[in-house]
Amino acid sequence: MRASFGSRLKSRGLWAWRRASARYPKLAVLRRRLAAASVGAGRSRVVVAPEEAGEGLSPANIVWIFCVARSGSTWLASMMGEMEGTGVWKEPRVGHLFGEFYENNPKAKTESANFIMGGPTRPAWISSIRHFVLTGARYAFPNLGPDDFLVVKEPGGGVGAPFLMEALPESRMILLVRDPRDVVSSSLDATREGSWQKEQRRAAGSGRKSLTARRPDAVVKRSAKKYVRNMERARQAFDDHRGPKTLVRYEDLLADALGAMRRVYSELGIEASADALDRAVEKHSWEAIPEDMKGQGKFYRKASPGGWEEDLTPRQIEIVEEISGPLLDEFYSRRNPAG
C-alpha cells in the first residue's frame, strides 16, 4: 500500500529538518525552543525526535566532578564556569538517581534479568543511561555546541559514578577529594540550629529539631559512612575510566588554586589561557567573598584544612578515622594510627 500524500509530506519535512539541522546546528536549537514555547503556551505539543534532540553538545566535552558535599565542588565548578564556552550543570543528581536506586536493592535482585538494572541486561540499561544523560544535558543547555564544555557538579553522586562513566567513556572526570574529618566537621556545622542548611529546610517547611543537637555522634557516624560509600564508588569509576581524568585534593586547590587549575586543564586535555584561569581564580577567591557570607553556620565557613581538630571531639575523630580508614590512609594520615 502506498503511503498517503500527507504521510509522505510529513516524512519529507522531517528529513529536510534533519538535513538542515546537520548543516546548520542552530536550527536544531531553534526548533527545540519553539517546541518548548508551544507547550508552554498551551498549544498542541510538538514532539521532537530523539535524533534531533541529540545534536549539539559533544559527550567528550562533558566534565564530571565527583565528590561528596562540602568538598569544594561549588568553588571548583564556579572557576571552571568562567572559561569561555563552558556551562555548569549544578547537581542534576543523576549519579544519585541511578546509584542509590541500584545500591538499595539486594545483590540477588541486581543479578536478575527481571530487575530493570539487572546484570544480564546491563548493555541495554547502560545505553539507556547514556541517552538519558545526553538528551537531558542538551535540552538543559541548548546553546552549547560541539566545541563547548559542560561541567557537571555531582557532590554525593559518586555512588552512581561507575555507571555514568561506563555509559560515557569518552567524557572527562575530576575526582575531588577532601579530608573526611573536615567534611564531617563541615557537615555538622551545616546541620546545627541557625545554620544556612537549617534555614533552607525551615523555609521549605521542615521545622524538626536537628539530629546534630540531639545525637551529634550519630550524625558523625552517618556522615562518615556516606563519605566512604560515595568516595569508594567514585574512586572505582576513576580507576576504571580510560578517558581524560584528574584527581584533585581540596587542600591542594586551597594552597595553590591557580597551579591546581592549570594542572586540571592540562590533564583533562582542555585548552585554557593563563589569563583566563588567573581571572577565574581571582574572581572566586576566598578574599572575594563578602565577609557577611563567611564564618560558622554559613555556606562559606573556614577554607582552612585541619579545622576538624578543633571542631570534633576525640571520640568523633576516632569514629571518622575508623570508618574511613583506607581512604584516609591513601590521601591523608590518621591522628591515631592504632585506632
C-alpha atoms as a PDB file:
ATOM      1  CA  MET A   1       0.000   0.000   0.000  1.00  0.00           C
ATOM      2  CA  ARG A   2       1.382   3.363  -0.992  1.00  0.00           C
ATOM      3  CA  ALA A   3       1.829   5.934   1.733  1.00  0.00           C
ATOM      4  CA  SER A   4      -0.656   8.774   1.726  1.00  0.00           C
ATOM      5  CA  PHE A   5       0.359  12.139   0.361  1.00  0.00           C
ATOM      6  CA  GLY A   6       0.133  13.588   3.867  1.00  0.00           C
ATOM      7  CA  SER A   7       2.434  10.970   5.428  1.00  0.00           C
ATOM      8  CA  ARG A   8       4.932  11.317   2.556  1.00  0.00           C
ATOM      9  CA  LEU A   9       4.918  15.079   3.009  1.00  0.00           C
ATOM     10  CA  LYS A  10       5.466  14.695   6.768  1.00  0.00           C
ATOM     11  CA  SER A  11       8.327  12.270   6.156  1.00  0.00           C
ATOM     12  CA  ARG A  12       9.979  14.619   3.673  1.00  0.00           C
ATOM     13  CA  GLY A  13       9.548  17.512   6.077  1.00  0.00           C
ATOM     14  CA  LEU A  14      11.267  15.609   8.911  1.00  0.00           C
ATOM     15  CA  TRP A  15      14.055  14.548   6.528  1.00  0.00           C
ATOM     16  CA  ALA A  16      14.519  18.142   5.432  1.00  0.00           C
ATOM     17  CA  TRP A  17      14.722  19.315   9.035  1.00  0.00           C
ATOM     18  CA  ARG A  18      17.334  16.693   9.881  1.00  0.00           C
ATOM     19  CA  ARG A  19      19.407  17.553   6.835  1.00  0.00           C
ATOM     20  CA  ALA A  20      19.205  21.282   7.532  1.00  0.00           C
ATOM     21  CA  SER A  21      19.936  20.772  11.239  1.00  0.00           C
ATOM     22  CA  ALA A  22      23.024  18.718  10.427  1.00  0.00           C
ATOM     23  CA  ARG A  23      24.315  21.535   8.247  1.00  0.00           C
ATOM     24  CA  TYR A  24      23.154  24.374  10.461  1.00  0.00           C
ATOM     25  CA  PRO A  25      23.222  23.268  14.162  1.00  0.00           C
ATOM     26  CA  LYS A  26      21.470  26.455  15.311  1.00  0.00           C
ATOM     27  CA  LEU A  27      18.316  25.310  13.514  1.00  0.00           C
ATOM     28  CA  ALA A  28      18.059  22.308  15.860  1.00  0.00           C
ATOM     29  CA  VAL A  29      18.338  24.630  18.855  1.00  0.00           C
ATOM     30  CA  LEU A  30      15.664  26.895  17.377  1.00  0.00           C
ATOM     31  CA  ARG A  31      13.260  24.012  16.830  1.00  0.00           C
ATOM     32  CA  ARG A  32      13.653  22.774  20.412  1.00  0.00           C
ATOM     33  CA  ARG A  33      12.947  26.276  21.700  1.00  0.00           C
ATOM     34  CA  LEU A  34       9.873  26.582  19.504  1.00  0.00           C
ATOM     35  CA  ALA A  35       8.645  23.212  20.753  1.00  0.00           C
ATOM     36  CA  ALA A  36       9.086  24.266  24.377  1.00  0.00           C
ATOM     37  CA  ALA A  37       7.361  27.585  23.754  1.00  0.00           C
ATOM     38  CA  SER A  38       4.458  25.830  22.066  1.00  0.00           C
ATOM     39  CA  VAL A  39       3.911  23.524  25.016  1.00  0.00           C
ATOM     40  CA  GLY A  40       4.266  26.388  27.500  1.00  0.00           C
ATOM     41  CA  ALA A  41       1.694  28.459  25.676  1.00  0.00           C
ATOM     42  CA  GLY A  42      -0.856  25.671  25.814  1.00  0.00           C
ATOM     43  CA  ARG A  43      -0.851  24.953  22.077  1.00  0.00           C
ATOM     44  CA  SER A  44      -0.573  21.480  20.603  1.00  0.00           C
ATOM     45  CA  ARG A  45       2.517  19.588  21.735  1.00  0.00           C
ATOM     46  CA  VAL A  46       5.346  19.367  19.213  1.00  0.00           C
ATOM     47  CA  VAL A  47       7.159  16.053  19.529  1.00  0.00           C
ATOM     48  CA  VAL A  48      10.877  16.382  18.857  1.00  0.00           C
ATOM     49  CA  ALA A  49      12.513  13.180  17.678  1.00  0.00           C
ATOM     50  CA  PRO A  50      15.371  11.874  19.877  1.00  0.00           C
ATOM     51  CA  GLU A  51      17.731  12.128  16.914  1.00  0.00           C
ATOM     52  CA  GLU A  52      17.123  15.854  16.730  1.00  0.00           C
ATOM     53  CA  ALA A  53      17.478  16.338  20.476  1.00  0.00           C
ATOM     54  CA  GLY A  54      20.826  14.588  20.233  1.00  0.00           C
ATOM     55  CA  GLU A  55      22.571  17.377  18.323  1.00  0.00           C
ATOM     56  CA  GLY A  56      24.843  19.924  19.927  1.00  0.00           C
ATOM     57  CA  LEU A  57      26.956  19.151  22.988  1.00  0.00           C
ATOM     58  CA  SER A  58      29.635  16.513  22.460  1.00  0.00           C
ATOM     59  CA  PRO A  59      29.776  13.713  25.069  1.00  0.00           C
ATOM     60  CA  ALA A  60      33.580  14.015  25.001  1.00  0.00           C
ATOM     61  CA  ASN A  61      33.221  17.569  26.323  1.00  0.00           C
ATOM     62  CA  ILE A  62      31.252  16.651  29.437  1.00  0.00           C
ATOM     63  CA  VAL A  63      33.408  17.079  32.546  1.00  0.00           C
ATOM     64  CA  TRP A  64      32.197  15.292  35.681  1.00  0.00           C
ATOM     65  CA  ILE A  65      33.135  16.454  39.180  1.00  0.00           C
ATOM     66  CA  PHE A  66      32.550  13.580  41.593  1.00  0.00           C
ATOM     67  CA  CYS A  67      32.990  14.171  45.305  1.00  0.00           C
ATOM     68  CA  VAL A  68      30.972  14.416  48.498  1.00  0.00           C
ATOM     69  CA  ALA A  69      29.181  17.503  49.733  1.00  0.00           C
ATOM     70  CA  ARG A  70      31.338  20.127  51.475  1.00  0.00           C
ATOM     71  CA  SER A  71      34.396  19.249  49.370  1.00  0.00           C
ATOM     72  CA  GLY A  72      34.749  22.479  47.400  1.00  0.00           C
ATOM     73  CA  SER A  73      32.861  21.433  44.278  1.00  0.00           C
ATOM     74  CA  THR A  74      30.928  24.727  44.161  1.00  0.00           C
ATOM     75  CA  TRP A  75      34.207  26.631  44.157  1.00  0.00           C
ATOM     76  CA  LEU A  76      35.853  24.420  41.530  1.00  0.00           C
ATOM     77  CA  ALA A  77      32.821  24.394  39.229  1.00  0.00           C
ATOM     78  CA  SER A  78      32.420  28.171  39.536  1.00  0.00           C
ATOM     79  CA  MET A  79      36.002  28.750  38.430  1.00  0.00           C
ATOM     80  CA  MET A  80      35.633  26.333  35.521  1.00  0.00           C
ATOM     81  CA  GLY A  81      32.373  28.013  34.549  1.00  0.00           C
ATOM     82  CA  GLU A  82      34.249  31.259  33.938  1.00  0.00           C
ATOM     83  CA  MET A  83      36.003  29.712  30.938  1.00  0.00           C
ATOM     84  CA  GLU A  84      34.617  30.733  27.554  1.00  0.00           C
ATOM     85  CA  GLY A  85      32.162  28.249  26.051  1.00  0.00           C
ATOM     86  CA  THR A  86      31.574  26.419  29.346  1.00  0.00           C
ATOM     87  CA  GLY A  87      28.281  25.692  31.090  1.00  0.00           C
ATOM     88  CA  VAL A  88      27.853  24.348  34.616  1.00  0.00           C
ATOM     89  CA  TRP A  89      25.169  21.786  35.439  1.00  0.00           C
ATOM     90  CA  LYS A  90      24.628  22.266  39.154  1.00  0.00           C
ATOM     91  CA  GLU A  91      23.805  18.990  40.875  1.00  0.00           C
ATOM     92  CA  PRO A  92      21.483  17.224  38.418  1.00  0.00           C
ATOM     93  CA  ARG A  93      21.711  14.300  40.897  1.00  0.00           C
ATOM     94  CA  VAL A  94      21.846  11.792  38.076  1.00  0.00           C
ATOM     95  CA  GLY A  95      24.537   9.824  39.928  1.00  0.00           C
ATOM     96  CA  HIS A  96      22.279   9.659  42.960  1.00  0.00           C
ATOM     97  CA  LEU A  97      19.316   8.677  40.790  1.00  0.00           C
ATOM     98  CA  PHE A  98      20.896   5.547  39.360  1.00  0.00           C
ATOM     99  CA  GLY A  99      23.446   4.770  42.066  1.00  0.00           C
ATOM    100  CA  GLU A 100      21.184   4.881  45.112  1.00  0.00           C
ATOM    101  CA  PHE A 101      18.429   3.005  43.299  1.00  0.00           C
ATOM    102  CA  TYR A 102      20.867   0.229  42.377  1.00  0.00           C
ATOM    103  CA  GLU A 103      22.613   0.075  45.761  1.00  0.00           C
ATOM    104  CA  ASN A 104      19.335  -0.081  47.682  1.00  0.00           C
ATOM    105  CA  ASN A 105      18.415  -3.402  46.068  1.00  0.00           C
ATOM    106  CA  PRO A 106      19.649  -6.835  47.240  1.00  0.00           C
ATOM    107  CA  LYS A 107      22.504  -8.346  45.241  1.00  0.00           C
ATOM    108  CA  ALA A 108      20.318 -11.261  44.166  1.00  0.00           C
ATOM    109  CA  LYS A 109      17.875  -8.757  42.681  1.00  0.00           C
ATOM    110  CA  THR A 110      20.554  -6.905  40.711  1.00  0.00           C
ATOM    111  CA  GLU A 111      21.691 -10.197  39.166  1.00  0.00           C
ATOM    112  CA  SER A 112      18.252 -10.933  37.753  1.00  0.00           C
ATOM    113  CA  ALA A 113      17.074 -10.051  34.241  1.00  0.00           C
ATOM    114  CA  ASN A 114      13.720  -9.135  35.777  1.00  0.00           C
ATOM    115  CA  PHE A 115      15.336  -6.138  37.505  1.00  0.00           C
ATOM    116  CA  ILE A 116      15.467  -3.033  35.300  1.00  0.00           C
ATOM    117  CA  MET A 117      19.195  -2.706  36.040  1.00  0.00           C
ATOM    118  CA  GLY A 118      19.909  -6.414  36.205  1.00  0.00           C
ATOM    119  CA  GLY A 119      23.273  -7.909  35.273  1.00  0.00           C
ATOM    120  CA  PRO A 120      22.053  -9.878  32.224  1.00  0.00           C
ATOM    121  CA  THR A 121      20.652  -6.729  30.594  1.00  0.00           C
ATOM    122  CA  ARG A 122      23.494  -4.364  31.552  1.00  0.00           C
ATOM    123  CA  PRO A 123      24.408  -3.293  27.966  1.00  0.00           C
ATOM    124  CA  ALA A 124      20.821  -2.182  27.418  1.00  0.00           C
ATOM    125  CA  TRP A 125      20.430  -0.034  30.517  1.00  0.00           C
ATOM    126  CA  ILE A 126      23.944   1.421  30.286  1.00  0.00           C
ATOM    127  CA  SER A 127      22.976   2.549  26.782  1.00  0.00           C
ATOM    128  CA  SER A 128      19.750   3.995  28.201  1.00  0.00           C
ATOM    129  CA  ILE A 129      21.684   5.943  30.844  1.00  0.00           C
ATOM    130  CA  ARG A 130      23.858   7.412  28.108  1.00  0.00           C
ATOM    131  CA  HIS A 131      20.823   8.555  26.125  1.00  0.00           C
ATOM    132  CA  PHE A 132      19.105   9.861  29.276  1.00  0.00           C
ATOM    133  CA  VAL A 133      22.085  11.997  30.314  1.00  0.00           C
ATOM    134  CA  LEU A 134      22.943  13.325  26.859  1.00  0.00           C
ATOM    135  CA  THR A 135      19.375  14.218  25.962  1.00  0.00           C
ATOM    136  CA  GLY A 136      18.807  15.891  29.334  1.00  0.00           C
ATOM    137  CA  ALA A 137      22.046  17.865  29.051  1.00  0.00           C
ATOM    138  CA  ARG A 138      21.332  19.014  25.514  1.00  0.00           C
ATOM    139  CA  TYR A 139      17.842  20.195  26.377  1.00  0.00           C
ATOM    140  CA  ALA A 140      19.038  21.907  29.563  1.00  0.00           C
ATOM    141  CA  PHE A 141      21.884  23.633  27.715  1.00  0.00           C
ATOM    142  CA  PRO A 142      20.671  24.125  24.117  1.00  0.00           C
ATOM    143  CA  ASN A 143      23.207  26.861  23.411  1.00  0.00           C
ATOM    144  CA  LEU A 144      26.221  24.613  23.949  1.00  0.00           C
ATOM    145  CA  GLY A 145      27.681  23.394  20.681  1.00  0.00           C
ATOM    146  CA  PRO A 146      30.058  20.516  19.874  1.00  0.00           C
ATOM    147  CA  ASP A 147      33.110  22.652  20.728  1.00  0.00           C
ATOM    148  CA  ASP A 148      31.751  23.811  24.103  1.00  0.00           C
ATOM    149  CA  PHE A 149      32.107  22.153  27.511  1.00  0.00           C
ATOM    150  CA  LEU A 150      29.644  21.200  30.229  1.00  0.00           C
ATOM    151  CA  VAL A 151      30.930  20.831  33.779  1.00  0.00           C
ATOM    152  CA  VAL A 152      28.649  18.550  35.811  1.00  0.00           C
ATOM    153  CA  LYS A 153      28.873  19.186  39.555  1.00  0.00           C
ATOM    154  CA  GLU A 154      27.818  15.968  41.302  1.00  0.00           C
ATOM    155  CA  PRO A 155      28.517  16.064  45.065  1.00  0.00           C
ATOM    156  CA  GLY A 156      27.038  12.907  46.518  1.00  0.00           C
ATOM    157  CA  GLY A 157      26.712  11.404  43.048  1.00  0.00           C
ATOM    158  CA  GLY A 158      29.805   9.244  43.372  1.00  0.00           C
ATOM    159  CA  VAL A 159      27.658   6.230  44.210  1.00  0.00           C
ATOM    160  CA  GLY A 160      26.498   6.206  40.578  1.00  0.00           C
ATOM    161  CA  ALA A 161      29.819   7.267  39.043  1.00  0.00           C
ATOM    162  CA  PRO A 162      30.747   3.781  37.717  1.00  0.00           C
ATOM    163  CA  PHE A 163      27.524   3.625  35.683  1.00  0.00           C
ATOM    164  CA  LEU A 164      27.883   7.164  34.319  1.00  0.00           C
ATOM    165  CA  MET A 165      31.500   6.735  33.282  1.00  0.00           C
ATOM    166  CA  GLU A 166      30.734   3.378  31.672  1.00  0.00           C
ATOM    167  CA  ALA A 167      27.863   4.990  29.772  1.00  0.00           C
ATOM    168  CA  LEU A 168      30.007   7.958  28.682  1.00  0.00           C
ATOM    169  CA  PRO A 169      33.558   6.571  28.420  1.00  0.00           C
ATOM    170  CA  GLU A 170      34.754   9.462  26.270  1.00  0.00           C
ATOM    171  CA  SER A 171      33.759  12.102  28.842  1.00  0.00           C
ATOM    172  CA  ARG A 172      36.234  13.630  31.294  1.00  0.00           C
ATOM    173  CA  MET A 173      36.362  13.098  35.040  1.00  0.00           C
ATOM    174  CA  ILE A 174      37.575  15.002  38.082  1.00  0.00           C
ATOM    175  CA  LEU A 175      37.783  13.132  41.384  1.00  0.00           C
ATOM    176  CA  LEU A 176      37.716  15.804  44.086  1.00  0.00           C
ATOM    177  CA  VAL A 177      38.918  14.577  47.479  1.00  0.00           C
ATOM    178  CA  ARG A 178      38.778  16.259  50.869  1.00  0.00           C
ATOM    179  CA  ASP A 179      39.871  15.032  54.304  1.00  0.00           C
ATOM    180  CA  PRO A 180      36.830  13.127  55.661  1.00  0.00           C
ATOM    181  CA  ARG A 181      37.320  14.655  59.093  1.00  0.00           C
ATOM    182  CA  ASP A 182      36.939  18.166  57.678  1.00  0.00           C
ATOM    183  CA  VAL A 183      33.979  17.017  55.564  1.00  0.00           C
ATOM    184  CA  VAL A 184      32.214  15.615  58.628  1.00  0.00           C
ATOM    185  CA  SER A 185      33.078  18.719  60.645  1.00  0.00           C
ATOM    186  CA  SER A 186      31.618  20.950  57.944  1.00  0.00           C
ATOM    187  CA  SER A 187      28.516  18.754  57.696  1.00  0.00           C
ATOM    188  CA  LEU A 188      27.978  19.025  61.458  1.00  0.00           C
ATOM    189  CA  ASP A 189      28.207  22.798  61.268  1.00  0.00           C
ATOM    190  CA  ALA A 190      25.764  22.906  58.336  1.00  0.00           C
ATOM    191  CA  THR A 191      23.114  20.940  60.240  1.00  0.00           C
ATOM    192  CA  ARG A 192      23.238  22.872  63.515  1.00  0.00           C
ATOM    193  CA  GLU A 193      20.411  25.166  64.563  1.00  0.00           C
ATOM    194  CA  GLY A 194      20.718  28.544  62.865  1.00  0.00           C
ATOM    195  CA  SER A 195      22.973  27.280  60.054  1.00  0.00           C
ATOM    196  CA  TRP A 196      22.419  28.021  56.356  1.00  0.00           C
ATOM    197  CA  GLN A 197      21.179  24.477  55.724  1.00  0.00           C
ATOM    198  CA  LYS A 198      18.748  24.506  58.637  1.00  0.00           C
ATOM    199  CA  GLU A 199      17.369  27.853  57.465  1.00  0.00           C
ATOM    200  CA  GLN A 200      16.817  26.418  53.988  1.00  0.00           C
ATOM    201  CA  ARG A 201      14.937  23.441  55.404  1.00  0.00           C
ATOM    202  CA  ARG A 202      12.893  25.634  57.709  1.00  0.00           C
ATOM    203  CA  ALA A 203      11.926  27.781  54.725  1.00  0.00           C
ATOM    204  CA  ALA A 204      10.855  24.578  52.971  1.00  0.00           C
ATOM    205  CA  GLY A 205       8.560  23.711  55.878  1.00  0.00           C
ATOM    206  CA  SER A 206      10.757  21.337  57.887  1.00  0.00           C
ATOM    207  CA  GLY A 207      10.862  22.564  61.466  1.00  0.00           C
ATOM    208  CA  ARG A 208      12.087  19.375  63.119  1.00  0.00           C
ATOM    209  CA  LYS A 209      14.875  19.798  65.661  1.00  0.00           C
ATOM    210  CA  SER A 210      18.288  18.921  64.272  1.00  0.00           C
ATOM    211  CA  LEU A 211      19.670  15.442  64.962  1.00  0.00           C
ATOM    212  CA  THR A 212      23.022  17.211  65.438  1.00  0.00           C
ATOM    213  CA  ALA A 213      21.698  18.838  68.598  1.00  0.00           C
ATOM    214  CA  ARG A 214      20.250  15.575  69.937  1.00  0.00           C
ATOM    215  CA  ARG A 215      22.809  12.963  68.871  1.00  0.00           C
ATOM    216  CA  PRO A 216      25.932  14.555  67.352  1.00  0.00           C
ATOM    217  CA  ASP A 217      27.970  11.332  67.385  1.00  0.00           C
ATOM    218  CA  ALA A 218      25.256   9.589  65.374  1.00  0.00           C
ATOM    219  CA  VAL A 219      25.465  12.355  62.767  1.00  0.00           C
ATOM    220  CA  VAL A 220      29.247  11.930  62.632  1.00  0.00           C
ATOM    221  CA  LYS A 221      28.904   8.197  62.062  1.00  0.00           C
ATOM    222  CA  ARG A 222      26.262   8.615  59.387  1.00  0.00           C
ATOM    223  CA  SER A 223      28.262  11.324  57.594  1.00  0.00           C
ATOM    224  CA  ALA A 224      31.440   9.240  57.632  1.00  0.00           C
ATOM    225  CA  LYS A 225      29.639   6.205  56.187  1.00  0.00           C
ATOM    226  CA  LYS A 226      28.093   8.367  53.471  1.00  0.00           C
ATOM    227  CA  TYR A 227      31.532   9.753  52.650  1.00  0.00           C
ATOM    228  CA  VAL A 228      33.046   6.270  52.283  1.00  0.00           C
ATOM    229  CA  ARG A 229      30.165   4.924  50.213  1.00  0.00           C
ATOM    230  CA  ASN A 230      30.371   7.755  47.698  1.00  0.00           C
ATOM    231  CA  MET A 231      34.141   8.070  47.540  1.00  0.00           C
ATOM    232  CA  GLU A 232      34.792   4.337  47.189  1.00  0.00           C
ATOM    233  CA  ARG A 233      32.429   4.117  44.223  1.00  0.00           C
ATOM    234  CA  ALA A 234      33.795   7.336  42.700  1.00  0.00           C
ATOM    235  CA  ARG A 235      37.338   6.037  43.132  1.00  0.00           C
ATOM    236  CA  GLN A 236      36.340   2.794  41.421  1.00  0.00           C
ATOM    237  CA  ALA A 237      34.987   4.775  38.472  1.00  0.00           C
ATOM    238  CA  PHE A 238      38.154   6.881  38.380  1.00  0.00           C
ATOM    239  CA  ASP A 239      40.428   3.835  38.324  1.00  0.00           C
ATOM    240  CA  ASP A 240      38.387   2.155  35.570  1.00  0.00           C
ATOM    241  CA  HIS A 241      37.974   5.259  33.400  1.00  0.00           C
ATOM    242  CA  ARG A 242      40.166   5.285  30.309  1.00  0.00           C
ATOM    243  CA  GLY A 243      39.259   8.789  29.181  1.00  0.00           C
ATOM    244  CA  PRO A 244      40.854  12.067  30.365  1.00  0.00           C
ATOM    245  CA  LYS A 245      40.811  12.331  34.146  1.00  0.00           C
ATOM    246  CA  THR A 246      42.472  14.078  37.059  1.00  0.00           C
ATOM    247  CA  LEU A 247      42.482  13.755  40.834  1.00  0.00           C
ATOM    248  CA  VAL A 248      42.374  16.937  42.924  1.00  0.00           C
ATOM    249  CA  ARG A 249      42.683  17.294  46.668  1.00  0.00           C
ATOM    250  CA  TYR A 250      40.728  20.199  48.095  1.00  0.00           C
ATOM    251  CA  GLU A 251      43.700  21.071  50.262  1.00  0.00           C
ATOM    252  CA  ASP A 252      45.956  21.430  47.198  1.00  0.00           C
ATOM    253  CA  LEU A 253      43.342  23.569  45.472  1.00  0.00           C
ATOM    254  CA  LEU A 254      43.226  25.804  48.526  1.00  0.00           C
ATOM    255  CA  ALA A 255      47.014  26.077  48.816  1.00  0.00           C
ATOM    256  CA  ASP A 256      47.579  26.976  45.148  1.00  0.00           C
ATOM    257  CA  ALA A 257      44.328  27.422  43.238  1.00  0.00           C
ATOM    258  CA  LEU A 258      45.962  28.701  40.057  1.00  0.00           C
ATOM    259  CA  GLY A 259      48.543  25.926  39.964  1.00  0.00           C
ATOM    260  CA  ALA A 260      45.863  23.301  40.623  1.00  0.00           C
ATOM    261  CA  MET A 261      43.609  24.713  37.896  1.00  0.00           C
ATOM    262  CA  ARG A 262      46.437  24.684  35.372  1.00  0.00           C
ATOM    263  CA  ARG A 263      47.093  21.035  36.178  1.00  0.00           C
ATOM    264  CA  VAL A 264      43.378  20.163  35.936  1.00  0.00           C
ATOM    265  CA  TYR A 265      43.070  21.651  32.467  1.00  0.00           C
ATOM    266  CA  SER A 266      46.325  20.108  31.307  1.00  0.00           C
ATOM    267  CA  GLU A 267      45.438  16.606  32.489  1.00  0.00           C
ATOM    268  CA  LEU A 268      41.923  16.849  31.073  1.00  0.00           C
ATOM    269  CA  GLY A 269      43.334  17.928  27.723  1.00  0.00           C
ATOM    270  CA  ILE A 270      41.370  21.193  27.633  1.00  0.00           C
ATOM    271  CA  GLU A 271      42.954  24.380  26.334  1.00  0.00           C
ATOM    272  CA  ALA A 272      42.683  27.369  28.646  1.00  0.00           C
ATOM    273  CA  SER A 273      44.669  30.577  28.551  1.00  0.00           C
ATOM    274  CA  ALA A 274      46.747  31.529  31.569  1.00  0.00           C
ATOM    275  CA  ASP A 275      44.997  34.921  31.756  1.00  0.00           C
ATOM    276  CA  ALA A 276      41.526  33.343  31.763  1.00  0.00           C
ATOM    277  CA  LEU A 277      42.487  30.937  34.536  1.00  0.00           C
ATOM    278  CA  ASP A 278      44.048  33.741  36.551  1.00  0.00           C
ATOM    279  CA  ARG A 279      40.873  35.849  36.261  1.00  0.00           C
ATOM    280  CA  ALA A 280      38.656  32.905  37.257  1.00  0.00           C
ATOM    281  CA  VAL A 281      40.764  32.134  40.322  1.00  0.00           C
ATOM    282  CA  GLU A 282      40.829  35.764  41.416  1.00  0.00           C
ATOM    283  CA  LYS A 283      37.085  36.237  40.922  1.00  0.00           C
ATOM    284  CA  HIS A 284      36.229  33.229  43.092  1.00  0.00           C
ATOM    285  CA  SER A 285      38.938  33.569  45.733  1.00  0.00           C
ATOM    286  CA  TRP A 286      38.157  33.432  49.458  1.00  0.00           C
ATOM    287  CA  GLU A 287      39.019  37.130  49.719  1.00  0.00           C
ATOM    288  CA  ALA A 288      36.399  37.992  47.083  1.00  0.00           C
ATOM    289  CA  ILE A 289      33.567  36.559  49.195  1.00  0.00           C
ATOM    290  CA  PRO A 290      31.773  39.234  51.280  1.00  0.00           C
ATOM    291  CA  GLU A 291      32.594  38.965  54.982  1.00  0.00           C
ATOM    292  CA  ASP A 292      28.944  38.630  55.995  1.00  0.00           C
ATOM    293  CA  MET A 293      28.714  35.438  53.921  1.00  0.00           C
ATOM    294  CA  LYS A 294      31.604  33.689  55.678  1.00  0.00           C
ATOM    295  CA  GLY A 295      32.026  32.016  59.050  1.00  0.00           C
ATOM    296  CA  GLN A 296      30.403  29.484  61.351  1.00  0.00           C
ATOM    297  CA  GLY A 297      26.953  28.416  60.229  1.00  0.00           C
ATOM    298  CA  LYS A 298      27.469  29.939  56.759  1.00  0.00           C
ATOM    299  CA  PHE A 299      27.817  28.131  53.429  1.00  0.00           C
ATOM    300  CA  TYR A 300      31.369  29.528  53.171  1.00  0.00           C
ATOM    301  CA  ARG A 301      32.745  28.504  56.519  1.00  0.00           C
ATOM    302  CA  LYS A 302      36.518  28.343  57.059  1.00  0.00           C
ATOM    303  CA  ALA A 303      38.585  27.441  53.996  1.00  0.00           C
ATOM    304  CA  SER A 304      41.269  26.192  56.381  1.00  0.00           C
ATOM    305  CA  PRO A 305      42.203  22.472  56.340  1.00  0.00           C
ATOM    306  CA  GLY A 306      42.634  20.757  59.679  1.00  0.00           C
ATOM    307  CA  GLY A 307      39.837  22.601  61.452  1.00  0.00           C
ATOM    308  CA  TRP A 308      38.422  19.219  62.462  1.00  0.00           C
ATOM    309  CA  GLU A 309      40.971  19.057  65.297  1.00  0.00           C
ATOM    310  CA  GLU A 310      39.124  21.916  66.997  1.00  0.00           C
ATOM    311  CA  ASP A 311      35.595  21.113  65.836  1.00  0.00           C
ATOM    312  CA  LEU A 312      35.356  17.379  66.584  1.00  0.00           C
ATOM    313  CA  THR A 313      35.635  15.639  69.915  1.00  0.00           C
ATOM    314  CA  PRO A 314      38.292  12.916  70.370  1.00  0.00           C
ATOM    315  CA  ARG A 315      35.548  10.282  70.123  1.00  0.00           C
ATOM    316  CA  GLN A 316      34.167  11.809  66.928  1.00  0.00           C
ATOM    317  CA  ILE A 317      37.636  11.879  65.358  1.00  0.00           C
ATOM    318  CA  GLU A 318      38.036   8.222  66.265  1.00  0.00           C
ATOM    319  CA  ILE A 319      34.686   7.360  64.656  1.00  0.00           C
ATOM    320  CA  VAL A 320      35.597   9.062  61.374  1.00  0.00           C
ATOM    321  CA  GLU A 321      39.064   7.511  61.266  1.00  0.00           C
ATOM    322  CA  GLU A 322      37.744   4.021  61.945  1.00  0.00           C
ATOM    323  CA  ILE A 323      35.114   4.217  59.206  1.00  0.00           C
ATOM    324  CA  SER A 324      37.187   5.988  56.535  1.00  0.00           C
ATOM    325  CA  GLY A 325      40.500   4.259  57.312  1.00  0.00           C
ATOM    326  CA  PRO A 326      41.596   3.039  53.822  1.00  0.00           C
ATOM    327  CA  LEU A 327      40.730   6.315  52.067  1.00  0.00           C
ATOM    328  CA  LEU A 328      42.259   8.341  54.869  1.00  0.00           C
ATOM    329  CA  ASP A 329      45.485   6.325  54.696  1.00  0.00           C
ATOM    330  CA  GLU A 330      45.714   6.812  50.933  1.00  0.00           C
ATOM    331  CA  PHE A 331      45.277  10.576  50.817  1.00  0.00           C
ATOM    332  CA  TYR A 332      45.991  11.833  54.344  1.00  0.00           C
ATOM    333  CA  SER A 333      47.143  10.402  57.695  1.00  0.00           C
ATOM    334  CA  ARG A 334      45.406   9.422  60.887  1.00  0.00           C
ATOM    335  CA  ARG A 335      45.876  11.144  64.171  1.00  0.00           C
ATOM    336  CA  ASN A 336      45.502   7.766  65.885  1.00  0.00           C
ATOM    337  CA  PRO A 337      47.044   5.129  63.555  1.00  0.00           C
ATOM    338  CA  ALA A 338      46.490   2.380  66.113  1.00  0.00           C
ATOM    339  CA  GLY A 339      42.790   3.198  66.354  1.00  0.00           C
END
